[in-house]
PDB file of N, CA and C in Angstrom:
ATOM      1  N   MET A   1       2.923  21.972   7.651  1.00  0.00           N
ATOM      2  CA  MET A   1       2.100  20.915   8.196  1.00  0.00           C
ATOM      3  C   MET A   1       2.767  19.572   7.898  1.00  0.00           C
ATOM      4  N   GLY A   2       2.917  18.750   8.904  1.00  0.00           N
ATOM      5  CA  GLY A   2       3.532  17.437   8.722  1.00  0.00           C
ATOM      6  C   GLY A   2       2.572  16.443   8.098  1.00  0.00           C
ATOM      7  N   ARG A   3       3.086  15.634   7.183  1.00  0.00           N
ATOM      8  CA  ARG A   3       2.272  14.617   6.514  1.00  0.00           C
ATOM      9  C   ARG A   3       2.942  13.265   6.653  1.00  0.00           C
ATOM     10  N   PRO A   4       2.141  12.190   6.715  1.00  0.00           N
ATOM     11  CA  PRO A   4       2.743  10.852   6.714  1.00  0.00           C
ATOM     12  C   PRO A   4       3.532  10.636   5.430  1.00  0.00           C
ATOM     13  N   ILE A   5       4.769  10.135   5.576  1.00  0.00           N
ATOM     14  CA  ILE A   5       5.623   9.906   4.410  1.00  0.00           C
ATOM     15  C   ILE A   5       6.120   8.469   4.323  1.00  0.00           C
ATOM     16  N   HIS A   6       5.908   7.670   5.382  1.00  0.00           N
ATOM     17  CA  HIS A   6       6.493   6.337   5.425  1.00  0.00           C
ATOM     18  C   HIS A   6       5.772   5.538   6.500  1.00  0.00           C
ATOM     19  N   PHE A   7       5.588   4.251   6.273  1.00  0.00           N
ATOM     20  CA  PHE A   7       5.068   3.395   7.329  1.00  0.00           C
ATOM     21  C   PHE A   7       6.069   2.293   7.604  1.00  0.00           C
ATOM     22  N   GLU A   8       5.994   1.705   8.781  1.00  0.00           N
ATOM     23  CA  GLU A   8       6.809   0.538   9.114  1.00  0.00           C
ATOM     24  C   GLU A   8       5.898  -0.542   9.671  1.00  0.00           C
ATOM     25  N   LEU A   9       6.125  -1.732   9.203  1.00  0.00           N
ATOM     26  CA  LEU A   9       5.383  -2.907   9.621  1.00  0.00           C
ATOM     27  C   LEU A   9       6.366  -3.857  10.282  1.00  0.00           C
ATOM     28  N   GLN A  10       6.004  -4.382  11.435  1.00  0.00           N
ATOM     29  CA  GLN A  10       6.879  -5.313  12.145  1.00  0.00           C
ATOM     30  C   GLN A  10       6.291  -6.713  12.043  1.00  0.00           C
ATOM     31  N   SER A  11       7.171  -7.701  11.915  1.00  0.00           N
ATOM     32  CA  SER A  11       6.711  -9.077  11.763  1.00  0.00           C
ATOM     33  C   SER A  11       7.668 -10.039  12.451  1.00  0.00           C
ATOM     34  N   SER A  12       7.117 -11.111  12.979  1.00  0.00           N
ATOM     35  CA  SER A  12       7.951 -12.161  13.563  1.00  0.00           C
ATOM     36  C   SER A  12       8.546 -13.055  12.481  1.00  0.00           C
ATOM     37  N   ASP A  13       8.041 -12.956  11.249  1.00  0.00           N
ATOM     38  CA  ASP A  13       8.531 -13.742  10.113  1.00  0.00           C
ATOM     39  C   ASP A  13       8.473 -12.861   8.870  1.00  0.00           C
ATOM     40  N   CYS A  14       9.570 -12.143   8.603  1.00  0.00           N
ATOM     41  CA  CYS A  14       9.593 -11.163   7.510  1.00  0.00           C
ATOM     42  C   CYS A  14       9.393 -11.802   6.140  1.00  0.00           C
ATOM     43  N   ALA A  15       9.915 -13.010   5.929  1.00  0.00           N
ATOM     44  CA  ALA A  15       9.719 -13.684   4.639  1.00  0.00           C
ATOM     45  C   ALA A  15       8.236 -13.998   4.429  1.00  0.00           C
ATOM     46  N   LYS A  16       7.591 -14.459   5.461  1.00  0.00           N
ATOM     47  CA  LYS A  16       6.159 -14.771   5.382  1.00  0.00           C
ATOM     48  C   LYS A  16       5.341 -13.496   5.152  1.00  0.00           C
ATOM     49  N   ALA A  17       5.718 -12.404   5.819  1.00  0.00           N
ATOM     50  CA  ALA A  17       5.018 -11.135   5.636  1.00  0.00           C
ATOM     51  C   ALA A  17       5.191 -10.615   4.213  1.00  0.00           C
ATOM     52  N   GLN A  18       6.398 -10.766   3.662  1.00  0.00           N
ATOM     53  CA  GLN A  18       6.627 -10.324   2.288  1.00  0.00           C
ATOM     54  C   GLN A  18       5.740 -11.102   1.316  1.00  0.00           C
ATOM     55  N   LYS A  19       5.637 -12.391   1.521  1.00  0.00           N
ATOM     56  CA  LYS A  19       4.786 -13.213   0.657  1.00  0.00           C
ATOM     57  C   LYS A  19       3.321 -12.809   0.818  1.00  0.00           C
ATOM     58  N   PHE A  20       2.881 -12.630   2.054  1.00  0.00           N
ATOM     59  CA  PHE A  20       1.491 -12.271   2.321  1.00  0.00           C
ATOM     60  C   PHE A  20       1.116 -10.969   1.619  1.00  0.00           C
ATOM     61  N   TYR A  21       1.876  -9.892   1.873  1.00  0.00           N
ATOM     62  CA  TYR A  21       1.542  -8.595   1.295  1.00  0.00           C
ATOM     63  C   TYR A  21       1.804  -8.554  -0.210  1.00  0.00           C
ATOM     64  N   GLY A  22       2.784  -9.326  -0.665  1.00  0.00           N
ATOM     65  CA  GLY A  22       3.018  -9.430  -2.101  1.00  0.00           C
ATOM     66  C   GLY A  22       1.857 -10.108  -2.805  1.00  0.00           C
ATOM     67  N   ASP A  23       1.400 -11.228  -2.250  1.00  0.00           N
ATOM     68  CA  ASP A  23       0.276 -11.950  -2.848  1.00  0.00           C
ATOM     69  C   ASP A  23      -1.019 -11.150  -2.740  1.00  0.00           C
ATOM     70  N   LEU A  24      -1.238 -10.511  -1.592  1.00  0.00           N
ATOM     71  CA  LEU A  24      -2.492  -9.812  -1.342  1.00  0.00           C
ATOM     72  C   LEU A  24      -2.609  -8.511  -2.128  1.00  0.00           C
ATOM     73  N   PHE A  25      -1.557  -7.694  -2.102  1.00  0.00           N
ATOM     74  CA  PHE A  25      -1.629  -6.355  -2.696  1.00  0.00           C
ATOM     75  C   PHE A  25      -0.675  -6.132  -3.863  1.00  0.00           C
ATOM     76  N   GLY A  26       0.204  -7.091  -4.134  1.00  0.00           N
ATOM     77  CA  GLY A  26       1.179  -6.907  -5.200  1.00  0.00           C
ATOM     78  C   GLY A  26       2.379  -6.073  -4.801  1.00  0.00           C
ATOM     79  N   TRP A  27       2.603  -5.896  -3.495  1.00  0.00           N
ATOM     80  CA  TRP A  27       3.737  -5.099  -3.040  1.00  0.00           C
ATOM     81  C   TRP A  27       5.043  -5.801  -3.382  1.00  0.00           C
ATOM     82  N   LYS A  28       6.070  -5.011  -3.636  1.00  0.00           N
ATOM     83  CA  LYS A  28       7.423  -5.505  -3.896  1.00  0.00           C
ATOM     84  C   LYS A  28       8.314  -5.108  -2.724  1.00  0.00           C
ATOM     85  N   PHE A  29       9.291  -5.955  -2.414  1.00  0.00           N
ATOM     86  CA  PHE A  29      10.187  -5.704  -1.287  1.00  0.00           C
ATOM     87  C   PHE A  29      11.636  -5.756  -1.752  1.00  0.00           C
ATOM     88  N   GLN A  30      12.453  -4.878  -1.176  1.00  0.00           N
ATOM     89  CA  GLN A  30      13.880  -4.834  -1.483  1.00  0.00           C
ATOM     90  C   GLN A  30      14.639  -4.585  -0.198  1.00  0.00           C
ATOM     91  N   GLN A  31      15.622  -5.430   0.080  1.00  0.00           N
ATOM     92  CA  GLN A  31      16.402  -5.260   1.303  1.00  0.00           C
ATOM     93  C   GLN A  31      17.153  -3.934   1.261  1.00  0.00           C
ATOM     94  N   PHE A  32      17.190  -3.251   2.402  1.00  0.00           N
ATOM     95  CA  PHE A  32      17.861  -1.962   2.537  1.00  0.00           C
ATOM     96  C   PHE A  32      19.264  -2.216   3.059  1.00  0.00           C
ATOM     97  N   GLY A  33      20.257  -2.130   2.206  1.00  0.00           N
ATOM     98  CA  GLY A  33      21.642  -2.385   2.584  1.00  0.00           C
ATOM     99  C   GLY A  33      21.802  -3.788   3.120  1.00  0.00           C
ATOM    100  N   SER A  34      22.566  -3.927   4.192  1.00  0.00           N
ATOM    101  CA  SER A  34      22.771  -5.245   4.797  1.00  0.00           C
ATOM    102  C   SER A  34      21.929  -5.406   6.060  1.00  0.00           C
ATOM    103  N   HIS A  35      21.006  -4.475   6.268  1.00  0.00           N
ATOM    104  CA  HIS A  35      20.169  -4.491   7.472  1.00  0.00           C
ATOM    105  C   HIS A  35      19.016  -5.482   7.329  1.00  0.00           C
ATOM    106  N   GLU A  36      18.483  -5.915   8.458  1.00  0.00           N
ATOM    107  CA  GLU A  36      17.258  -6.695   8.447  1.00  0.00           C
ATOM    108  C   GLU A  36      16.085  -5.723   8.317  1.00  0.00           C
ATOM    109  N   TYR A  37      16.001  -5.116   7.144  1.00  0.00           N
ATOM    110  CA  TYR A  37      14.986  -4.102   6.862  1.00  0.00           C
ATOM    111  C   TYR A  37      14.723  -4.144   5.363  1.00  0.00           C
ATOM    112  N   TRP A  38      13.476  -4.229   4.987  1.00  0.00           N
ATOM    113  CA  TRP A  38      13.097  -4.301   3.588  1.00  0.00           C
ATOM    114  C   TRP A  38      12.200  -3.126   3.254  1.00  0.00           C
ATOM    115  N   LEU A  39      12.528  -2.422   2.176  1.00  0.00           N
ATOM    116  CA  LEU A  39      11.668  -1.360   1.681  1.00  0.00           C
ATOM    117  C   LEU A  39      10.452  -2.009   1.039  1.00  0.00           C
ATOM    118  N   ALA A  40       9.291  -1.473   1.316  1.00  0.00           N
ATOM    119  CA  ALA A  40       8.042  -1.971   0.749  1.00  0.00           C
ATOM    120  C   ALA A  40       7.554  -0.962  -0.277  1.00  0.00           C
ATOM    121  N   MET A  41       7.543  -1.382  -1.543  1.00  0.00           N
ATOM    122  CA  MET A  41       7.055  -0.524  -2.613  1.00  0.00           C
ATOM    123  C   MET A  41       5.603  -0.916  -2.889  1.00  0.00           C
ATOM    124  N   THR A  42       4.702   0.047  -2.629  1.00  0.00           N
ATOM    125  CA  THR A  42       3.271  -0.256  -2.671  1.00  0.00           C
ATOM    126  C   THR A  42       2.602   0.093  -3.989  1.00  0.00           C
ATOM    127  N   GLY A  43       3.316   0.699  -4.914  1.00  0.00           N
ATOM    128  CA  GLY A  43       2.729   0.995  -6.224  1.00  0.00           C
ATOM    129  C   GLY A  43       2.935   2.436  -6.633  1.00  0.00           C
ATOM    130  N   GLU A  44       2.367   2.768  -7.774  1.00  0.00           N
ATOM    131  CA  GLU A  44       2.472   4.119  -8.337  1.00  0.00           C
ATOM    132  C   GLU A  44       1.281   4.960  -7.900  1.00  0.00           C
ATOM    133  N   GLY A  45       1.404   6.269  -8.029  1.00  0.00           N
ATOM    134  CA  GLY A  45       0.296   7.165  -7.737  1.00  0.00           C
ATOM    135  C   GLY A  45       0.196   7.526  -6.269  1.00  0.00           C
ATOM    136  N   PRO A  46      -0.971   8.040  -5.841  1.00  0.00           N
ATOM    137  CA  PRO A  46      -1.144   8.470  -4.444  1.00  0.00           C
ATOM    138  C   PRO A  46      -0.889   7.334  -3.460  1.00  0.00           C
ATOM    139  N   GLY A  47      -0.358   7.685  -2.322  1.00  0.00           N
ATOM    140  CA  GLY A  47      -0.072   6.700  -1.292  1.00  0.00           C
ATOM    141  C   GLY A  47       1.367   6.831  -0.840  1.00  0.00           C
ATOM    142  N   ILE A  48       1.757   5.987   0.096  1.00  0.00           N
ATOM    143  CA  ILE A  48       3.124   6.023   0.619  1.00  0.00           C
ATOM    144  C   ILE A  48       3.718   4.627   0.572  1.00  0.00           C
ATOM    145  N   ASP A  49       5.022   4.582   0.509  1.00  0.00           N
ATOM    146  CA  ASP A  49       5.751   3.327   0.613  1.00  0.00           C
ATOM    147  C   ASP A  49       6.199   3.167   2.062  1.00  0.00           C
ATOM    148  N   GLY A  50       6.753   2.021   2.369  1.00  0.00           N
ATOM    149  CA  GLY A  50       7.131   1.796   3.754  1.00  0.00           C
ATOM    150  C   GLY A  50       8.278   0.847   3.905  1.00  0.00           C
ATOM    151  N   GLY A  51       8.326   0.211   5.062  1.00  0.00           N
ATOM    152  CA  GLY A  51       9.379  -0.727   5.386  1.00  0.00           C
ATOM    153  C   GLY A  51       8.850  -1.875   6.219  1.00  0.00           C
ATOM    154  N   LEU A  52       9.576  -2.969   6.182  1.00  0.00           N
ATOM    155  CA  LEU A  52       9.259  -4.172   6.941  1.00  0.00           C
ATOM    156  C   LEU A  52      10.492  -4.536   7.745  1.00  0.00           C
ATOM    157  N   MET A  53      10.297  -4.847   9.026  1.00  0.00           N
ATOM    158  CA  MET A  53      11.434  -5.205   9.871  1.00  0.00           C
ATOM    159  C   MET A  53      11.013  -6.263  10.875  1.00  0.00           C
ATOM    160  N   PRO A  54      12.005  -6.982  11.424  1.00  0.00           N
ATOM    161  CA  PRO A  54      11.675  -7.968  12.450  1.00  0.00           C
ATOM    162  C   PRO A  54      11.010  -7.308  13.649  1.00  0.00           C
ATOM    163  N   SER A  55      10.083  -8.010  14.251  1.00  0.00           N
ATOM    164  CA  SER A  55       9.364  -7.511  15.406  1.00  0.00           C
ATOM    165  C   SER A  55      10.282  -7.404  16.616  1.00  0.00           C
ATOM    166  N   ASN A  56      10.113  -6.339  17.370  1.00  0.00           N
ATOM    167  CA  ASN A  56      10.833  -6.182  18.636  1.00  0.00           C
ATOM    168  C   ASN A  56       9.879  -6.472  19.794  1.00  0.00           C
ATOM    169  N   GLY A  57       8.931  -7.351  19.550  1.00  0.00           N
ATOM    170  CA  GLY A  57       7.912  -7.685  20.536  1.00  0.00           C
ATOM    171  C   GLY A  57       6.579  -7.045  20.213  1.00  0.00           C
ATOM    172  N   LEU A  58       6.611  -6.006  19.395  1.00  0.00           N
ATOM    173  CA  LEU A  58       5.380  -5.357  18.962  1.00  0.00           C
ATOM    174  C   LEU A  58       4.970  -5.936  17.621  1.00  0.00           C
ATOM    175  N   LYS A  59       3.718  -5.897  17.349  1.00  0.00           N
ATOM    176  CA  LYS A  59       3.216  -6.261  16.023  1.00  0.00           C
ATOM    177  C   LYS A  59       2.230  -5.180  15.638  1.00  0.00           C
ATOM    178  N   ASN A  60       2.748  -4.163  14.987  1.00  0.00           N
ATOM    179  CA  ASN A  60       1.906  -3.036  14.633  1.00  0.00           C
ATOM    180  C   ASN A  60       2.450  -2.306  13.418  1.00  0.00           C
ATOM    181  N   TRP A  61       1.746  -1.277  13.036  1.00  0.00           N
ATOM    182  CA  TRP A  61       2.152  -0.394  11.956  1.00  0.00           C
ATOM    183  C   TRP A  61       2.500   0.947  12.575  1.00  0.00           C
ATOM    184  N   VAL A  62       3.584   1.561  12.129  1.00  0.00           N
ATOM    185  CA  VAL A  62       3.989   2.870  12.614  1.00  0.00           C
ATOM    186  C   VAL A  62       4.057   3.815  11.423  1.00  0.00           C
ATOM    187  N   CYS A  63       3.398   4.970  11.530  1.00  0.00           N
ATOM    188  CA  CYS A  63       3.508   5.995  10.494  1.00  0.00           C
ATOM    189  C   CYS A  63       4.564   7.001  10.904  1.00  0.00           C
ATOM    190  N   THR A  64       5.352   7.432   9.932  1.00  0.00           N
ATOM    191  CA  THR A  64       6.370   8.454  10.152  1.00  0.00           C
ATOM    192  C   THR A  64       5.912   9.734   9.476  1.00  0.00           C
ATOM    193  N   ILE A  65       6.009  10.829  10.210  1.00  0.00           N
ATOM    194  CA  ILE A  65       5.568  12.136   9.746  1.00  0.00           C
ATOM    195  C   ILE A  65       6.788  12.969   9.371  1.00  0.00           C
ATOM    196  N   GLU A  66       6.728  13.623   8.218  1.00  0.00           N
ATOM    197  CA  GLU A  66       7.813  14.495   7.778  1.00  0.00           C
ATOM    198  C   GLU A  66       7.766  15.811   8.552  1.00  0.00           C
ATOM    199  N   VAL A  67       8.918  16.227   9.078  1.00  0.00           N
ATOM    200  CA  VAL A  67       9.030  17.517   9.770  1.00  0.00           C
ATOM    201  C   VAL A  67      10.224  18.273   9.204  1.00  0.00           C
ATOM    202  N   ASP A  68      10.167  19.603   9.290  1.00  0.00           N
ATOM    203  CA  ASP A  68      11.274  20.403   8.753  1.00  0.00           C
ATOM    204  C   ASP A  68      12.390  20.610   9.770  1.00  0.00           C
ATOM    205  N   ASN A  69      12.090  20.418  11.063  1.00  0.00           N
ATOM    206  CA  ASN A  69      13.090  20.610  12.111  1.00  0.00           C
ATOM    207  C   ASN A  69      12.813  19.596  13.218  1.00  0.00           C
ATOM    208  N   LEU A  70      13.516  18.479  13.198  1.00  0.00           N
ATOM    209  CA  LEU A  70      13.261  17.402  14.150  1.00  0.00           C
ATOM    210  C   LEU A  70      13.514  17.855  15.585  1.00  0.00           C
ATOM    211  N   ASP A  71      14.584  18.596  15.830  1.00  0.00           N
ATOM    212  CA  ASP A  71      14.885  19.044  17.192  1.00  0.00           C
ATOM    213  C   ASP A  71      13.730  19.861  17.771  1.00  0.00           C
ATOM    214  N   ALA A  72      13.175  20.760  16.980  1.00  0.00           N
ATOM    215  CA  ALA A  72      12.054  21.587  17.450  1.00  0.00           C
ATOM    216  C   ALA A  72      10.824  20.721  17.741  1.00  0.00           C
ATOM    217  N   HIS A  73      10.588  19.726  16.897  1.00  0.00           N
ATOM    218  CA  HIS A  73       9.435  18.853  17.125  1.00  0.00           C
ATOM    219  C   HIS A  73       9.640  17.936  18.328  1.00  0.00           C
ATOM    220  N   LEU A  74      10.868  17.537  18.588  1.00  0.00           N
ATOM    221  CA  LEU A  74      11.136  16.734  19.784  1.00  0.00           C
ATOM    222  C   LEU A  74      10.776  17.527  21.043  1.00  0.00           C
ATOM    223  N   GLU A  75      11.065  18.821  21.036  1.00  0.00           N
ATOM    224  CA  GLU A  75      10.705  19.666  22.175  1.00  0.00           C
ATOM    225  C   GLU A  75       9.191  19.806  22.309  1.00  0.00           C
ATOM    226  N   LYS A  76       8.488  19.806  21.189  1.00  0.00           N
ATOM    227  CA  LYS A  76       7.029  19.972  21.206  1.00  0.00           C
ATOM    228  C   LYS A  76       6.294  18.728  21.701  1.00  0.00           C
ATOM    229  N   VAL A  77       6.914  17.559  21.588  1.00  0.00           N
ATOM    230  CA  VAL A  77       6.231  16.312  21.955  1.00  0.00           C
ATOM    231  C   VAL A  77       5.765  16.352  23.408  1.00  0.00           C
ATOM    232  N   ALA A  78       6.672  16.654  24.338  1.00  0.00           N
ATOM    233  CA  ALA A  78       6.315  16.684  25.766  1.00  0.00           C
ATOM    234  C   ALA A  78       5.287  17.780  26.037  1.00  0.00           C
ATOM    235  N   ALA A  79       5.451  18.934  25.424  1.00  0.00           N
ATOM    236  CA  ALA A  79       4.518  20.037  25.628  1.00  0.00           C
ATOM    237  C   ALA A  79       3.106  19.673  25.158  1.00  0.00           C
ATOM    238  N   ALA A  80       3.022  18.779  24.177  1.00  0.00           N
ATOM    239  CA  ALA A  80       1.719  18.353  23.654  1.00  0.00           C
ATOM    240  C   ALA A  80       1.164  17.151  24.413  1.00  0.00           C
ATOM    241  N   GLY A  81       1.903  16.653  25.422  1.00  0.00           N
ATOM    242  CA  GLY A  81       1.416  15.537  26.225  1.00  0.00           C
ATOM    243  C   GLY A  81       1.962  14.185  25.839  1.00  0.00           C
ATOM    244  N   GLY A  82       2.981  14.162  24.980  1.00  0.00           N
ATOM    245  CA  GLY A  82       3.570  12.899  24.539  1.00  0.00           C
ATOM    246  C   GLY A  82       4.912  12.623  25.195  1.00  0.00           C
ATOM    247  N   VAL A  83       5.552  11.551  24.745  1.00  0.00           N
ATOM    248  CA  VAL A  83       6.833  11.107  25.298  1.00  0.00           C
ATOM    249  C   VAL A  83       7.728  10.654  24.142  1.00  0.00           C
ATOM    250  N   ILE A  84       8.999  11.012  24.182  1.00  0.00           N
ATOM    251  CA  ILE A  84       9.961  10.486  23.208  1.00  0.00           C
ATOM    252  C   ILE A  84      10.349   9.082  23.663  1.00  0.00           C
ATOM    253  N   VAL A  85      10.197   8.084  22.781  1.00  0.00           N
ATOM    254  CA  VAL A  85      10.527   6.708  23.156  1.00  0.00           C
ATOM    255  C   VAL A  85      11.789   6.193  22.472  1.00  0.00           C
ATOM    256  N   VAL A  86      12.171   6.793  21.345  1.00  0.00           N
ATOM    257  CA  VAL A  86      13.444   6.492  20.686  1.00  0.00           C
ATOM    258  C   VAL A  86      14.035   7.835  20.283  1.00  0.00           C
ATOM    259  N   PRO A  87      15.192   8.203  20.847  1.00  0.00           N
ATOM    260  CA  PRO A  87      15.769   9.525  20.561  1.00  0.00           C
ATOM    261  C   PRO A  87      16.234   9.653  19.109  1.00  0.00           C
ATOM    262  N   LYS A  88      16.539  10.866  18.752  1.00  0.00           N
ATOM    263  CA  LYS A  88      17.003  11.209  17.404  1.00  0.00           C
ATOM    264  C   LYS A  88      18.174  10.319  17.011  1.00  0.00           C
ATOM    265  N   MET A  89      18.087   9.770  15.797  1.00  0.00           N
ATOM    266  CA  MET A  89      19.163   8.925  15.271  1.00  0.00           C
ATOM    267  C   MET A  89      19.279   9.160  13.774  1.00  0.00           C
ATOM    268  N   PRO A  90      20.494   8.974  13.232  1.00  0.00           N
ATOM    269  CA  PRO A  90      20.661   9.159  11.792  1.00  0.00           C
ATOM    270  C   PRO A  90      20.228   7.921  11.019  1.00  0.00           C
ATOM    271  N   ILE A  91      19.637   8.147   9.868  1.00  0.00           N
ATOM    272  CA  ILE A  91      19.429   7.111   8.861  1.00  0.00           C
ATOM    273  C   ILE A  91      20.330   7.551   7.708  1.00  0.00           C
ATOM    274  N   PRO A  92      21.529   6.958   7.598  1.00  0.00           N
ATOM    275  CA  PRO A  92      22.532   7.463   6.650  1.00  0.00           C
ATOM    276  C   PRO A  92      21.986   7.647   5.233  1.00  0.00           C
ATOM    277  N   GLY A  93      22.249   8.839   4.712  1.00  0.00           N
ATOM    278  CA  GLY A  93      21.837   9.175   3.360  1.00  0.00           C
ATOM    279  C   GLY A  93      20.368   9.522   3.225  1.00  0.00           C
ATOM    280  N   VAL A  94      19.613   9.466   4.317  1.00  0.00           N
ATOM    281  CA  VAL A  94      18.167   9.729   4.264  1.00  0.00           C
ATOM    282  C   VAL A  94      17.797  10.923   5.138  1.00  0.00           C
ATOM    283  N   GLY A  95      18.116  10.834   6.445  1.00  0.00           N
ATOM    284  CA  GLY A  95      17.749  11.923   7.339  1.00  0.00           C
ATOM    285  C   GLY A  95      17.835  11.523   8.795  1.00  0.00           C
ATOM    286  N   TRP A  96      17.145  12.285   9.638  1.00  0.00           N
ATOM    287  CA  TRP A  96      17.143  12.090  11.086  1.00  0.00           C
ATOM    288  C   TRP A  96      15.772  11.593  11.502  1.00  0.00           C
ATOM    289  N   LEU A  97      15.741  10.580  12.379  1.00  0.00           N
ATOM    290  CA  LEU A  97      14.501   9.911  12.762  1.00  0.00           C
ATOM    291  C   LEU A  97      14.407   9.810  14.275  1.00  0.00           C
ATOM    292  N   ALA A  98      13.212   9.958  14.811  1.00  0.00           N
ATOM    293  CA  ALA A  98      12.932   9.728  16.233  1.00  0.00           C
ATOM    294  C   ALA A  98      11.510   9.203  16.338  1.00  0.00           C
ATOM    295  N   TYR A  99      11.225   8.522  17.458  1.00  0.00           N
ATOM    296  CA  TYR A  99       9.892   7.982  17.690  1.00  0.00           C
ATOM    297  C   TYR A  99       9.337   8.529  18.988  1.00  0.00           C
ATOM    298  N   GLY A 100       8.042   8.757  19.006  1.00  0.00           N
ATOM    299  CA  GLY A 100       7.361   9.218  20.200  1.00  0.00           C
ATOM    300  C   GLY A 100       6.090   8.434  20.434  1.00  0.00           C
ATOM    301  N   ASN A 101       5.525   8.615  21.619  1.00  0.00           N
ATOM    302  CA  ASN A 101       4.203   8.098  21.943  1.00  0.00           C
ATOM    303  C   ASN A 101       3.286   9.292  22.151  1.00  0.00           C
ATOM    304  N   ASP A 102       2.057   9.202  21.631  1.00  0.00           N
ATOM    305  CA  ASP A 102       1.074  10.234  21.918  1.00  0.00           C
ATOM    306  C   ASP A 102       0.502   9.997  23.317  1.00  0.00           C
ATOM    307  N   PRO A 103      -0.396  10.840  23.810  1.00  0.00           N
ATOM    308  CA  PRO A 103      -0.910  10.663  25.171  1.00  0.00           C
ATOM    309  C   PRO A 103      -1.616   9.319  25.410  1.00  0.00           C
ATOM    310  N   ASP A 104      -2.085   8.655  24.351  1.00  0.00           N
ATOM    311  CA  ASP A 104      -2.722   7.345  24.502  1.00  0.00           C
ATOM    312  C   ASP A 104      -1.742   6.198  24.359  1.00  0.00           C
ATOM    313  N   GLY A 105      -0.456   6.501  24.104  1.00  0.00           N
ATOM    314  CA  GLY A 105       0.548   5.458  23.965  1.00  0.00           C
ATOM    315  C   GLY A 105       0.765   4.981  22.545  1.00  0.00           C
ATOM    316  N   ASN A 106       0.105   5.603  21.560  1.00  0.00           N
ATOM    317  CA  ASN A 106       0.325   5.236  20.158  1.00  0.00           C
ATOM    318  C   ASN A 106       1.697   5.729  19.718  1.00  0.00           C
ATOM    319  N   ILE A 107       2.452   4.863  19.049  1.00  0.00           N
ATOM    320  CA  ILE A 107       3.794   5.237  18.605  1.00  0.00           C
ATOM    321  C   ILE A 107       3.719   5.893  17.230  1.00  0.00           C
ATOM    322  N   PHE A 108       4.597   6.861  17.004  1.00  0.00           N
ATOM    323  CA  PHE A 108       4.699   7.529  15.706  1.00  0.00           C
ATOM    324  C   PHE A 108       6.152   7.920  15.491  1.00  0.00           C
ATOM    325  N   GLY A 109       6.534   8.056  14.224  1.00  0.00           N
ATOM    326  CA  GLY A 109       7.880   8.491  13.881  1.00  0.00           C
ATOM    327  C   GLY A 109       7.859   9.912  13.348  1.00  0.00           C
ATOM    328  N   MET A 110       8.994  10.587  13.452  1.00  0.00           N
ATOM    329  CA  MET A 110       9.188  11.906  12.853  1.00  0.00           C
ATOM    330  C   MET A 110      10.520  11.888  12.117  1.00  0.00           C
ATOM    331  N   MET A 111      10.525  12.353  10.879  1.00  0.00           N
ATOM    332  CA  MET A 111      11.719  12.319  10.038  1.00  0.00           C
ATOM    333  C   MET A 111      12.003  13.693   9.469  1.00  0.00           C
ATOM    334  N   GLN A 112      13.257  14.113   9.616  1.00  0.00           N
ATOM    335  CA  GLN A 112      13.756  15.313   8.957  1.00  0.00           C
ATOM    336  C   GLN A 112      14.689  14.873   7.847  1.00  0.00           C
ATOM    337  N   ALA A 113      14.353  15.196   6.613  1.00  0.00           N
ATOM    338  CA  ALA A 113      15.200  14.815   5.483  1.00  0.00           C
ATOM    339  C   ALA A 113      16.549  15.511   5.579  1.00  0.00           C
ATOM    340  N   ASP A 114      17.610  14.742   5.365  1.00  0.00           N
ATOM    341  CA  ASP A 114      18.979  15.282   5.375  1.00  0.00           C
ATOM    342  C   ASP A 114      19.891  14.194   4.816  1.00  0.00           C
ATOM    343  N   GLN A 115      20.240  14.317   3.536  1.00  0.00           N
ATOM    344  CA  GLN A 115      21.069  13.299   2.900  1.00  0.00           C
ATOM    345  C   GLN A 115      22.452  13.208   3.507  1.00  0.00           C
ATOM    346  N   SER A 116      22.872  14.212   4.274  1.00  0.00           N
ATOM    347  CA  SER A 116      24.196  14.154   4.901  1.00  0.00           C
ATOM    348  C   SER A 116      24.166  13.493   6.286  1.00  0.00           C
ATOM    349  N   ALA A 117      23.006  13.042   6.726  1.00  0.00           N
ATOM    350  CA  ALA A 117      22.904  12.395   8.041  1.00  0.00           C
ATOM    351  C   ALA A 117      23.805  11.161   8.069  1.00  0.00           C
ATOM    352  N   ALA A 118      24.523  11.012   9.153  1.00  0.00           N
ATOM    353  CA  ALA A 118      25.428   9.847   9.291  1.00  0.00           C
ATOM    354  C   ALA A 118      25.616   9.499  10.748  1.00  0.00           C
TER     355      ALA A 118
END
């Protein structure tokens, strides 16, 4: 069964968003490599951590679901009434990621862990 493992938040002003969520919830942010992407550490215990990135015109939250076989799940998306909107891509040292839309147009991510992804 797939479970949410990561969220992504998009912002038109990432520095302002970091301050807002840091002040409001105590979240900590760390830039991921040289990318315009910051890991969001939300605390200890139950819950998930996420990421913050510049907005691509959207301003929303995206949950990523862990899957054991991304290729198989990509095939299931259309059969379940959804659409792949961002094809499979590597996240080096982390795994394989793709994004889909459900039948209502809600975006979601799917991640297959694979430290050898490149």
